[in-house]
Structure formats: structure tokens, C-alpha cells
Amino acid sequence: MTNTGMNMRGKITFYEEKNFQGRSYECMNDCSDMTSNLSRCQSCRVESGCFMVYDRSNYMGNQCFMKKGEYSSDYMSMMGMRDCIKSCRMIPMHRGQFRMKIYEKENFGGQSHEMMEDCDNVMDRYRMNECQSCNVMDGHWLMYEQPQFRGKMMYMRPGEYRNFMDMGMSGQRFMSMRRITDSCN
């Protein structure tokens, strides 16, 4: 079977100690609560695929996007994760078109714009001061709190998102959006 016919799976390994030492936990899909597997996580290695890791159980709190590579405790601290990865979600590869409609206000209110490409600055492109809800029709996206794909991020998969505060993102506004393309392999 070719890669295009397979559902490509990812693989991430979490380590309790720095420099990929100590007890480890290997994960090849979503895990809503890692605390029963590891008491802490000070480094991790993504062998294939892309993952979002979260500092709270049930895919809540601060998020960090990880693709193939090694992530030391220094990198994880810089991303605000320290030793507290509590859940992770595998991001499936999407090879079709990307489409998302963003809204200025919660519950799909205010001005709206449909996007099919990355947007490095919502204010410059659409004259929107903030984005408080969205509808992801196609593809998987990362939304960032600052322009130029910086700051805290949130993973968005297909679905309706009426209020970002309901997702544990209180007071956060999103100012740039990027598609998660097949570059994760």
C-alpha cells in the first residue's frame, strides 16, 4: 500500500528526565491524561507525524505544536510547558484544500472572512481587531495570539468554535492563522 492510501500514524515519546533519560511513555494517538503514565515530562522526541501537547488534561490550557524532532527541557520551558505536559493529540495529515471562516465576535458575530491560505496578520489583511470564533470547514489550522505566527497558539480541527473562552482560552485573541500542511512527515 502506498503512503497516499495509508492513514499515516505519528509516534511521540515522552521522557521523565532531561536529555531523553528516565522512564518513558510512547504514544501513537491521542492521550487525554498522561499523569497515569508519567509523573512529569522534561523532554520528548517526535519520531513521525505532528502532535499538539497541552499543559492540562483533556486537551486544555497552553498548547505547543511539535513535529519530527527532539525537544529538550530548555525548548519546552521556552514554550511555557516546563515539566507539565498532561495530554497530547495527534494531528492527522490533510492533503486537500483548507478553508476556515473567522468571526470578529463570539457566536459567529461581527464581521467575518473566509480563509484558504495562511494569514500573518488579521488586522492588516481584514481590518479585524480580534477573532473570537471560527468555523473550520477543511484542514487543520494553528491560530496564534500575535501577528507573524507568534505567541500562544491553539490547534483547530474541522468544526464550529463559537467561543474560545469555552476552550480554556479566556482573554485570548487570535491575530494570525497558519495551515498545518503535510510538512510534518
N, C-alpha and C. Protein backbone atom coordinates (compact mmCIF):
# COMPACT_ATOMS: atom_id res chain seq x y z
N MET A 1 0.85 -1.19 0.00
CA MET A 1 0.00 0.00 0.00
C MET A 1 0.89 1.24 0.00
N THR A 2 0.55 2.24 -0.76
CA THR A 2 1.35 3.46 -0.82
C THR A 2 1.02 4.38 0.33
N ASN A 3 1.87 5.37 0.54
CA ASN A 3 1.65 6.34 1.61
C ASN A 3 0.35 7.10 1.43
N THR A 4 -0.05 7.35 0.18
CA THR A 4 -1.29 8.11 -0.03
C THR A 4 -2.51 7.28 0.33
N GLY A 5 -2.40 5.96 0.31
CA GLY A 5 -3.51 5.10 0.67
C GLY A 5 -3.54 4.72 2.13
N MET A 6 -2.48 5.03 2.86
CA MET A 6 -2.42 4.66 4.27
C MET A 6 -2.82 5.84 5.14
N ASN A 7 -3.33 5.53 6.32
CA ASN A 7 -3.55 6.56 7.31
C ASN A 7 -2.24 6.66 8.10
N MET A 8 -1.42 7.63 7.75
CA MET A 8 -0.11 7.77 8.39
C MET A 8 -0.29 8.06 9.87
N ARG A 9 0.38 7.29 10.70
CA ARG A 9 0.30 7.45 12.14
C ARG A 9 1.54 8.17 12.64
N GLY A 10 1.40 8.87 13.71
CA GLY A 10 2.53 9.54 14.33
C GLY A 10 3.02 8.76 15.53
N LYS A 11 4.20 9.14 15.99
CA LYS A 11 4.77 8.50 17.17
C LYS A 11 5.57 9.53 17.94
N ILE A 12 5.23 9.69 19.22
CA ILE A 12 5.93 10.62 20.10
C ILE A 12 6.28 9.87 21.38
N THR A 13 7.47 10.14 21.91
CA THR A 13 7.91 9.51 23.15
C THR A 13 8.23 10.60 24.16
N PHE A 14 7.63 10.50 25.34
CA PHE A 14 7.83 11.45 26.43
C PHE A 14 8.78 10.83 27.45
N TYR A 15 9.68 11.65 28.01
CA TYR A 15 10.67 11.18 28.99
C TYR A 15 10.53 11.99 30.28
N GLU A 16 10.64 11.30 31.42
CA GLU A 16 10.54 11.99 32.71
C GLU A 16 11.73 12.89 32.99
N GLU A 17 12.89 12.54 32.46
CA GLU A 17 14.11 13.30 32.75
C GLU A 17 14.59 14.08 31.54
N LYS A 18 15.51 15.01 31.80
CA LYS A 18 16.14 15.79 30.74
C LYS A 18 16.96 14.87 29.85
N ASN A 19 17.24 15.35 28.65
CA ASN A 19 18.09 14.63 27.69
C ASN A 19 17.61 13.22 27.37
N PHE A 20 16.30 13.04 27.33
CA PHE A 20 15.68 11.80 26.88
C PHE A 20 16.09 10.61 27.76
N GLN A 21 16.12 10.85 29.06
CA GLN A 21 16.51 9.83 30.04
C GLN A 21 15.32 9.50 30.95
N GLY A 22 15.48 8.43 31.72
CA GLY A 22 14.47 8.04 32.71
C GLY A 22 13.32 7.29 32.07
N ARG A 23 12.28 7.12 32.86
CA ARG A 23 11.09 6.43 32.36
C ARG A 23 10.55 7.14 31.15
N SER A 24 9.96 6.37 30.25
CA SER A 24 9.40 6.97 29.03
C SER A 24 8.00 6.43 28.78
N TYR A 25 7.27 7.16 27.98
CA TYR A 25 5.92 6.76 27.55
C TYR A 25 5.81 7.05 26.06
N GLU A 26 5.53 6.00 25.29
CA GLU A 26 5.39 6.11 23.85
C GLU A 26 3.91 6.25 23.50
N CYS A 27 3.61 7.18 22.61
CA CYS A 27 2.22 7.45 22.27
C CYS A 27 2.09 7.53 20.74
N MET A 28 1.05 6.87 20.21
CA MET A 28 0.84 6.88 18.76
C MET A 28 -0.55 7.40 18.39
N ASN A 29 -1.24 7.99 19.38
CA ASN A 29 -2.55 8.57 19.13
C ASN A 29 -2.86 9.59 20.23
N ASP A 30 -4.10 9.98 20.36
CA ASP A 30 -4.49 10.96 21.37
C ASP A 30 -4.38 10.35 22.77
N CYS A 31 -4.02 11.18 23.74
CA CYS A 31 -3.98 10.77 25.14
C CYS A 31 -4.51 11.94 25.96
N SER A 32 -5.68 11.78 26.57
CA SER A 32 -6.33 12.88 27.28
C SER A 32 -5.76 13.12 28.67
N ASP A 33 -5.05 12.13 29.25
CA ASP A 33 -4.47 12.31 30.58
C ASP A 33 -3.23 11.43 30.71
N MET A 34 -2.06 12.04 30.68
CA MET A 34 -0.81 11.29 30.73
C MET A 34 -0.31 11.05 32.15
N THR A 35 -0.96 11.60 33.15
CA THR A 35 -0.43 11.52 34.51
C THR A 35 -0.36 10.10 35.05
N SER A 36 -1.15 9.19 34.52
CA SER A 36 -1.05 7.79 34.98
C SER A 36 0.15 7.08 34.36
N ASN A 37 0.73 7.66 33.30
CA ASN A 37 1.88 7.05 32.64
C ASN A 37 3.22 7.64 33.08
N LEU A 38 3.26 8.94 33.32
CA LEU A 38 4.48 9.62 33.76
C LEU A 38 4.14 10.68 34.79
N SER A 39 5.01 10.84 35.79
CA SER A 39 4.76 11.86 36.80
C SER A 39 5.11 13.25 36.29
N ARG A 40 6.03 13.33 35.33
CA ARG A 40 6.43 14.60 34.73
C ARG A 40 7.03 14.31 33.36
N CYS A 41 7.27 15.37 32.60
CA CYS A 41 7.88 15.22 31.27
C CYS A 41 8.89 16.34 31.09
N GLN A 42 10.18 15.99 30.99
CA GLN A 42 11.21 17.02 30.83
C GLN A 42 11.86 17.01 29.46
N SER A 43 11.49 16.05 28.62
CA SER A 43 11.96 16.04 27.23
C SER A 43 11.07 15.10 26.43
N CYS A 44 11.06 15.27 25.12
CA CYS A 44 10.28 14.37 24.27
C CYS A 44 10.88 14.33 22.88
N ARG A 45 10.52 13.29 22.16
CA ARG A 45 11.04 13.07 20.81
C ARG A 45 9.86 12.67 19.92
N VAL A 46 9.68 13.41 18.81
CA VAL A 46 8.66 13.06 17.83
C VAL A 46 9.38 12.31 16.71
N GLU A 47 9.02 11.04 16.56
CA GLU A 47 9.66 10.21 15.53
C GLU A 47 8.96 10.34 14.19
N SER A 48 7.65 10.58 14.21
CA SER A 48 6.91 10.78 12.97
C SER A 48 5.60 11.50 13.28
N GLY A 49 5.09 12.18 12.28
CA GLY A 49 3.83 12.89 12.43
C GLY A 49 3.95 14.22 13.13
N CYS A 50 2.80 14.79 13.48
CA CYS A 50 2.71 16.06 14.21
C CYS A 50 1.79 15.86 15.41
N PHE A 51 2.09 16.57 16.48
CA PHE A 51 1.31 16.48 17.71
C PHE A 51 1.12 17.86 18.30
N MET A 52 0.02 18.03 19.02
CA MET A 52 -0.15 19.17 19.92
C MET A 52 -0.02 18.59 21.32
N VAL A 53 0.75 19.26 22.17
CA VAL A 53 0.84 18.87 23.57
C VAL A 53 0.24 19.99 24.40
N TYR A 54 -0.35 19.62 25.54
CA TYR A 54 -1.11 20.55 26.37
C TYR A 54 -0.62 20.45 27.81
N ASP A 55 -0.67 21.57 28.55
CA ASP A 55 -0.22 21.54 29.94
C ASP A 55 -1.33 21.21 30.92
N ARG A 56 -2.51 20.86 30.41
CA ARG A 56 -3.62 20.39 31.25
C ARG A 56 -4.24 19.16 30.61
N SER A 57 -4.89 18.36 31.42
CA SER A 57 -5.59 17.17 30.91
C SER A 57 -6.73 17.58 29.99
N ASN A 58 -7.21 16.63 29.21
CA ASN A 58 -8.35 16.82 28.32
C ASN A 58 -8.13 17.91 27.28
N TYR A 59 -6.87 18.05 26.82
CA TYR A 59 -6.53 18.95 25.71
C TYR A 59 -6.85 20.41 26.02
N MET A 60 -6.58 20.81 27.23
CA MET A 60 -6.86 22.18 27.67
C MET A 60 -5.56 22.89 28.05
N GLY A 61 -5.64 24.21 28.17
CA GLY A 61 -4.52 25.01 28.64
C GLY A 61 -3.56 25.39 27.53
N ASN A 62 -2.32 25.73 27.92
CA ASN A 62 -1.29 26.11 26.95
C ASN A 62 -1.02 24.95 26.02
N GLN A 63 -0.76 25.28 24.75
CA GLN A 63 -0.53 24.27 23.73
C GLN A 63 0.80 24.53 23.04
N CYS A 64 1.39 23.45 22.56
CA CYS A 64 2.65 23.56 21.82
C CYS A 64 2.60 22.58 20.66
N PHE A 65 2.92 23.05 19.47
CA PHE A 65 2.93 22.24 18.26
C PHE A 65 4.30 21.57 18.12
N MET A 66 4.30 20.27 17.88
CA MET A 66 5.56 19.54 17.73
C MET A 66 5.51 18.66 16.50
N LYS A 67 6.55 18.80 15.66
CA LYS A 67 6.70 17.91 14.51
C LYS A 67 8.00 17.14 14.70
N LYS A 68 8.37 16.33 13.73
CA LYS A 68 9.52 15.44 13.87
C LYS A 68 10.73 16.18 14.41
N GLY A 69 11.30 15.65 15.49
CA GLY A 69 12.47 16.28 16.10
C GLY A 69 12.57 15.95 17.57
N GLU A 70 13.61 16.49 18.21
CA GLU A 70 13.85 16.29 19.63
C GLU A 70 13.60 17.60 20.36
N TYR A 71 12.94 17.50 21.51
CA TYR A 71 12.56 18.67 22.28
C TYR A 71 13.10 18.52 23.70
N SER A 72 14.12 19.32 24.00
CA SER A 72 14.76 19.27 25.31
C SER A 72 13.95 20.07 26.32
N SER A 73 14.36 19.98 27.58
CA SER A 73 13.67 20.73 28.63
C SER A 73 13.79 22.24 28.40
N ASP A 74 14.92 22.69 27.82
CA ASP A 74 15.09 24.12 27.54
C ASP A 74 14.04 24.62 26.54
N TYR A 75 13.83 23.85 25.47
CA TYR A 75 12.84 24.23 24.46
C TYR A 75 11.45 24.23 25.08
N MET A 76 11.14 23.20 25.84
CA MET A 76 9.80 23.09 26.41
C MET A 76 9.54 24.22 27.42
N SER A 77 10.55 24.61 28.20
CA SER A 77 10.39 25.73 29.13
C SER A 77 10.14 27.03 28.36
N MET A 78 10.88 27.21 27.27
CA MET A 78 10.72 28.40 26.45
C MET A 78 9.28 28.49 25.90
N MET A 79 8.68 27.35 25.60
CA MET A 79 7.31 27.32 25.07
C MET A 79 6.26 27.34 26.18
N GLY A 80 6.69 27.46 27.45
CA GLY A 80 5.76 27.54 28.57
C GLY A 80 5.27 26.19 29.07
N MET A 81 5.92 25.10 28.66
CA MET A 81 5.44 23.77 29.04
C MET A 81 6.14 23.23 30.30
N ARG A 82 7.34 23.66 30.61
CA ARG A 82 8.12 23.17 31.75
C ARG A 82 8.08 21.64 31.81
N ASP A 83 7.64 21.09 32.92
CA ASP A 83 7.59 19.62 33.03
C ASP A 83 6.16 19.14 33.15
N CYS A 84 5.23 19.92 32.61
CA CYS A 84 3.82 19.65 32.91
C CYS A 84 2.98 19.29 31.68
N ILE A 85 3.49 18.50 30.75
CA ILE A 85 2.65 18.03 29.66
C ILE A 85 1.67 17.02 30.24
N LYS A 86 0.38 17.30 30.09
CA LYS A 86 -0.65 16.45 30.69
C LYS A 86 -1.49 15.70 29.66
N SER A 87 -1.50 16.17 28.41
CA SER A 87 -2.25 15.49 27.36
C SER A 87 -1.62 15.81 26.01
N CYS A 88 -1.92 14.96 25.02
CA CYS A 88 -1.40 15.21 23.67
C CYS A 88 -2.42 14.72 22.65
N ARG A 89 -2.37 15.34 21.49
CA ARG A 89 -3.29 14.99 20.40
C ARG A 89 -2.49 14.85 19.12
N MET A 90 -2.66 13.71 18.44
CA MET A 90 -2.02 13.52 17.15
C MET A 90 -2.79 14.30 16.09
N ILE A 91 -2.09 14.99 15.21
CA ILE A 91 -2.73 15.77 14.16
C ILE A 91 -2.68 14.95 12.88
N PRO A 92 -3.84 14.55 12.36
CA PRO A 92 -3.84 13.76 11.12
C PRO A 92 -3.42 14.62 9.93
N MET A 93 -2.80 13.97 8.97
CA MET A 93 -2.38 14.69 7.77
C MET A 93 -3.59 14.98 6.89
N HIS A 94 -3.63 16.18 6.37
CA HIS A 94 -4.71 16.62 5.49
C HIS A 94 -4.08 17.03 4.17
N ARG A 95 -4.50 16.44 3.08
CA ARG A 95 -3.89 16.73 1.78
C ARG A 95 -4.83 17.45 0.82
N GLY A 96 -6.01 17.81 1.28
CA GLY A 96 -6.95 18.51 0.41
C GLY A 96 -6.85 20.02 0.58
N GLN A 97 -7.92 20.71 0.25
CA GLN A 97 -7.93 22.17 0.39
C GLN A 97 -8.14 22.55 1.86
N PHE A 98 -7.84 23.79 2.16
CA PHE A 98 -8.00 24.34 3.51
C PHE A 98 -9.03 25.45 3.44
N ARG A 99 -9.96 25.46 4.40
CA ARG A 99 -10.98 26.52 4.45
C ARG A 99 -11.41 26.76 5.88
N MET A 100 -11.39 28.02 6.27
CA MET A 100 -11.84 28.41 7.60
C MET A 100 -12.49 29.78 7.51
N LYS A 101 -13.58 29.96 8.24
CA LYS A 101 -14.24 31.26 8.31
C LYS A 101 -14.02 31.79 9.72
N ILE A 102 -13.44 32.99 9.81
CA ILE A 102 -13.18 33.60 11.11
C ILE A 102 -14.18 34.72 11.36
N TYR A 103 -14.51 34.92 12.64
CA TYR A 103 -15.50 35.92 13.04
C TYR A 103 -14.91 36.83 14.11
N GLU A 104 -15.26 38.08 14.01
CA GLU A 104 -14.77 39.09 14.95
C GLU A 104 -15.28 38.85 16.37
N LYS A 105 -16.51 38.41 16.50
CA LYS A 105 -17.15 38.25 17.82
C LYS A 105 -17.48 36.78 18.08
N GLU A 106 -17.77 36.47 19.33
CA GLU A 106 -18.18 35.11 19.68
C GLU A 106 -19.53 34.79 19.06
N ASN A 107 -19.85 33.50 18.99
CA ASN A 107 -21.11 33.02 18.39
C ASN A 107 -21.28 33.48 16.94
N PHE A 108 -20.19 33.55 16.21
CA PHE A 108 -20.18 33.89 14.79
C PHE A 108 -20.75 35.28 14.52
N GLY A 109 -20.46 36.22 15.40
CA GLY A 109 -20.96 37.59 15.25
C GLY A 109 -19.90 38.53 14.68
N GLY A 110 -20.34 39.72 14.31
CA GLY A 110 -19.44 40.73 13.77
C GLY A 110 -19.02 40.41 12.35
N GLN A 111 -18.00 41.12 11.89
CA GLN A 111 -17.56 40.86 10.53
C GLN A 111 -16.90 39.48 10.44
N SER A 112 -16.92 38.93 9.23
CA SER A 112 -16.35 37.59 9.02
C SER A 112 -15.58 37.56 7.71
N HIS A 113 -14.66 36.62 7.64
CA HIS A 113 -13.86 36.44 6.43
C HIS A 113 -13.54 34.97 6.26
N GLU A 114 -13.61 34.50 5.02
CA GLU A 114 -13.24 33.12 4.73
C GLU A 114 -11.79 33.08 4.28
N MET A 115 -11.06 32.12 4.81
CA MET A 115 -9.63 31.99 4.50
C MET A 115 -9.35 30.63 3.90
N MET A 116 -8.40 30.59 2.96
CA MET A 116 -7.94 29.33 2.39
C MET A 116 -6.41 29.25 2.43
N GLU A 117 -5.78 30.33 2.88
CA GLU A 117 -4.32 30.43 2.96
C GLU A 117 -3.94 30.93 4.35
N ASP A 118 -2.66 30.86 4.66
CA ASP A 118 -2.15 31.41 5.92
C ASP A 118 -2.41 32.91 5.97
N CYS A 119 -2.58 33.43 7.17
CA CYS A 119 -2.76 34.88 7.37
C CYS A 119 -1.82 35.31 8.48
N ASP A 120 -0.82 36.13 8.15
CA ASP A 120 0.17 36.52 9.16
C ASP A 120 -0.27 37.70 10.02
N ASN A 121 -1.36 38.38 9.63
CA ASN A 121 -1.84 39.49 10.44
C ASN A 121 -3.30 39.80 10.08
N VAL A 122 -4.22 39.42 10.96
CA VAL A 122 -5.66 39.61 10.73
C VAL A 122 -6.00 41.09 10.65
N MET A 123 -5.34 41.91 11.46
CA MET A 123 -5.63 43.35 11.46
C MET A 123 -5.25 43.98 10.13
N ASP A 124 -4.06 43.66 9.63
CA ASP A 124 -3.62 44.24 8.36
C ASP A 124 -4.45 43.74 7.18
N ARG A 125 -4.74 42.45 7.14
CA ARG A 125 -5.43 41.88 5.98
C ARG A 125 -6.92 42.17 5.98
N TYR A 126 -7.57 42.03 7.14
CA TYR A 126 -9.04 42.12 7.18
C TYR A 126 -9.57 43.30 7.99
N ARG A 127 -8.70 44.07 8.61
CA ARG A 127 -9.12 45.18 9.48
C ARG A 127 -9.99 44.68 10.64
N MET A 128 -9.65 43.51 11.16
CA MET A 128 -10.34 42.96 12.33
C MET A 128 -9.42 43.11 13.54
N ASN A 129 -9.95 43.68 14.63
CA ASN A 129 -9.16 43.85 15.85
C ASN A 129 -8.95 42.53 16.59
N GLU A 130 -9.87 41.60 16.39
CA GLU A 130 -9.74 40.32 17.07
C GLU A 130 -10.58 39.26 16.37
N CYS A 131 -10.32 38.04 16.73
CA CYS A 131 -11.08 36.89 16.21
C CYS A 131 -11.51 36.08 17.43
N GLN A 132 -12.83 35.97 17.65
CA GLN A 132 -13.33 35.31 18.85
C GLN A 132 -14.11 34.04 18.57
N SER A 133 -14.35 33.71 17.30
CA SER A 133 -14.99 32.44 16.95
C SER A 133 -14.63 32.10 15.51
N CYS A 134 -14.81 30.82 15.16
CA CYS A 134 -14.50 30.41 13.79
C CYS A 134 -15.20 29.11 13.45
N ASN A 135 -15.25 28.83 12.16
CA ASN A 135 -15.78 27.57 11.65
C ASN A 135 -14.71 27.01 10.71
N VAL A 136 -14.11 25.89 11.10
CA VAL A 136 -13.11 25.24 10.26
C VAL A 136 -13.84 24.23 9.40
N MET A 137 -13.88 24.48 8.09
CA MET A 137 -14.57 23.59 7.16
C MET A 137 -13.63 22.50 6.63
N ASP A 138 -12.39 22.86 6.31
CA ASP A 138 -11.44 21.90 5.74
C ASP A 138 -10.05 22.13 6.31
N GLY A 139 -9.37 21.04 6.61
CA GLY A 139 -7.99 21.11 7.05
C GLY A 139 -7.84 21.34 8.54
N HIS A 140 -6.58 21.40 8.96
CA HIS A 140 -6.21 21.62 10.35
C HIS A 140 -5.36 22.88 10.40
N TRP A 141 -5.61 23.72 11.41
CA TRP A 141 -5.01 25.05 11.49
C TRP A 141 -4.40 25.29 12.86
N LEU A 142 -3.43 26.21 12.92
CA LEU A 142 -2.92 26.76 14.16
C LEU A 142 -3.28 28.24 14.18
N MET A 143 -3.84 28.68 15.30
CA MET A 143 -4.16 30.10 15.48
C MET A 143 -3.22 30.65 16.55
N TYR A 144 -2.69 31.85 16.31
CA TYR A 144 -1.70 32.47 17.20
C TYR A 144 -2.24 33.77 17.78
N GLU A 145 -1.84 34.07 19.02
CA GLU A 145 -2.32 35.28 19.68
C GLU A 145 -1.69 36.56 19.14
N GLN A 146 -0.55 36.44 18.46
CA GLN A 146 0.14 37.62 17.92
C GLN A 146 0.31 37.49 16.41
N PRO A 147 0.49 38.62 15.73
CA PRO A 147 0.80 38.55 14.29
C PRO A 147 2.11 37.80 14.04
N GLN A 148 2.32 37.39 12.81
CA GLN A 148 3.54 36.71 12.38
C GLN A 148 3.73 35.34 13.05
N PHE A 149 2.60 34.70 13.43
CA PHE A 149 2.63 33.33 13.97
C PHE A 149 3.46 33.24 15.24
N ARG A 150 3.24 34.17 16.16
CA ARG A 150 3.98 34.19 17.42
C ARG A 150 3.01 34.15 18.59
N GLY A 151 3.55 33.83 19.75
CA GLY A 151 2.77 33.81 20.98
C GLY A 151 2.06 32.49 21.18
N LYS A 152 1.15 32.49 22.14
CA LYS A 152 0.38 31.29 22.43
C LYS A 152 -0.40 30.87 21.20
N MET A 153 -0.59 29.56 21.08
CA MET A 153 -1.28 29.04 19.91
C MET A 153 -2.43 28.12 20.33
N MET A 154 -3.31 27.87 19.36
CA MET A 154 -4.42 26.94 19.58
C MET A 154 -4.61 26.13 18.30
N TYR A 155 -4.74 24.81 18.48
CA TYR A 155 -4.97 23.88 17.38
C TYR A 155 -6.46 23.83 17.06
N MET A 156 -6.79 23.99 15.78
CA MET A 156 -8.18 23.96 15.34
C MET A 156 -8.36 22.88 14.29
N ARG A 157 -9.20 21.91 14.57
CA ARG A 157 -9.53 20.89 13.59
C ARG A 157 -10.94 21.17 13.08
N PRO A 158 -11.40 20.49 12.03
CA PRO A 158 -12.72 20.81 11.47
C PRO A 158 -13.82 20.80 12.54
N GLY A 159 -14.61 21.86 12.52
CA GLY A 159 -15.71 22.01 13.47
C GLY A 159 -16.03 23.47 13.70
N GLU A 160 -17.08 23.70 14.50
CA GLU A 160 -17.50 25.05 14.85
C GLU A 160 -16.98 25.41 16.23
N TYR A 161 -16.41 26.59 16.35
CA TYR A 161 -15.87 27.08 17.61
C TYR A 161 -16.56 28.40 17.91
N ARG A 162 -17.61 28.35 18.72
CA ARG A 162 -18.45 29.52 19.00
C ARG A 162 -17.83 30.51 19.97
N ASN A 163 -16.97 30.02 20.87
CA ASN A 163 -16.42 30.88 21.90
C ASN A 163 -15.11 30.28 22.39
N PHE A 164 -14.00 30.95 22.13
CA PHE A 164 -12.69 30.42 22.51
C PHE A 164 -12.53 30.33 24.03
N MET A 165 -13.27 31.16 24.79
CA MET A 165 -13.18 31.09 26.25
C MET A 165 -13.66 29.73 26.76
N ASP A 166 -14.62 29.12 26.07
CA ASP A 166 -15.11 27.80 26.47
C ASP A 166 -14.02 26.73 26.34
N MET A 167 -12.98 27.03 25.59
CA MET A 167 -11.89 26.08 25.38
C MET A 167 -10.72 26.36 26.32
N GLY A 168 -10.94 27.16 27.34
CA GLY A 168 -9.88 27.48 28.29
C GLY A 168 -8.95 28.57 27.81
N MET A 169 -9.39 29.40 26.87
CA MET A 169 -8.56 30.46 26.31
C MET A 169 -9.12 31.83 26.70
N SER A 170 -9.40 32.05 27.96
CA SER A 170 -10.03 33.29 28.37
C SER A 170 -9.11 34.48 28.13
N GLY A 171 -9.68 35.54 27.61
CA GLY A 171 -8.96 36.77 27.37
C GLY A 171 -7.99 36.72 26.19
N GLN A 172 -7.96 35.63 25.49
CA GLN A 172 -7.02 35.49 24.39
C GLN A 172 -7.70 35.85 23.08
N ARG A 173 -6.98 36.61 22.26
CA ARG A 173 -7.46 36.91 20.93
C ARG A 173 -6.45 36.37 19.95
N PHE A 174 -6.89 36.06 18.76
CA PHE A 174 -6.01 35.46 17.77
C PHE A 174 -5.80 36.42 16.62
N MET A 175 -4.53 36.63 16.28
CA MET A 175 -4.17 37.65 15.29
C MET A 175 -3.50 37.08 14.04
N SER A 176 -3.17 35.77 14.02
CA SER A 176 -2.62 35.15 12.81
C SER A 176 -2.99 33.67 12.80
N MET A 177 -3.10 33.09 11.60
CA MET A 177 -3.52 31.71 11.42
C MET A 177 -2.64 31.04 10.37
N ARG A 178 -2.31 29.78 10.61
CA ARG A 178 -1.45 29.02 9.68
C ARG A 178 -2.03 27.63 9.48
N ARG A 179 -2.01 27.17 8.23
CA ARG A 179 -2.44 25.81 7.92
C ARG A 179 -1.39 24.81 8.38
N ILE A 180 -1.82 23.65 8.85
CA ILE A 180 -0.89 22.58 9.15
C ILE A 180 -0.84 21.71 7.90
N THR A 181 0.26 21.83 7.18
CA THR A 181 0.40 21.14 5.90
C THR A 181 1.11 19.81 6.10
N ASP A 182 1.35 19.10 5.00
CA ASP A 182 1.95 17.77 5.09
C ASP A 182 3.45 17.81 5.33
N SER A 183 3.99 18.92 5.82
CA SER A 183 5.43 19.03 6.08
C SER A 183 5.83 18.35 7.38
N CYS A 184 4.89 17.68 8.05
CA CYS A 184 5.18 17.05 9.34
C CYS A 184 5.87 15.71 9.20
N ASN A 185 5.92 15.14 8.02
CA ASN A 185 6.48 13.80 7.85
C ASN A 185 7.95 13.76 8.15
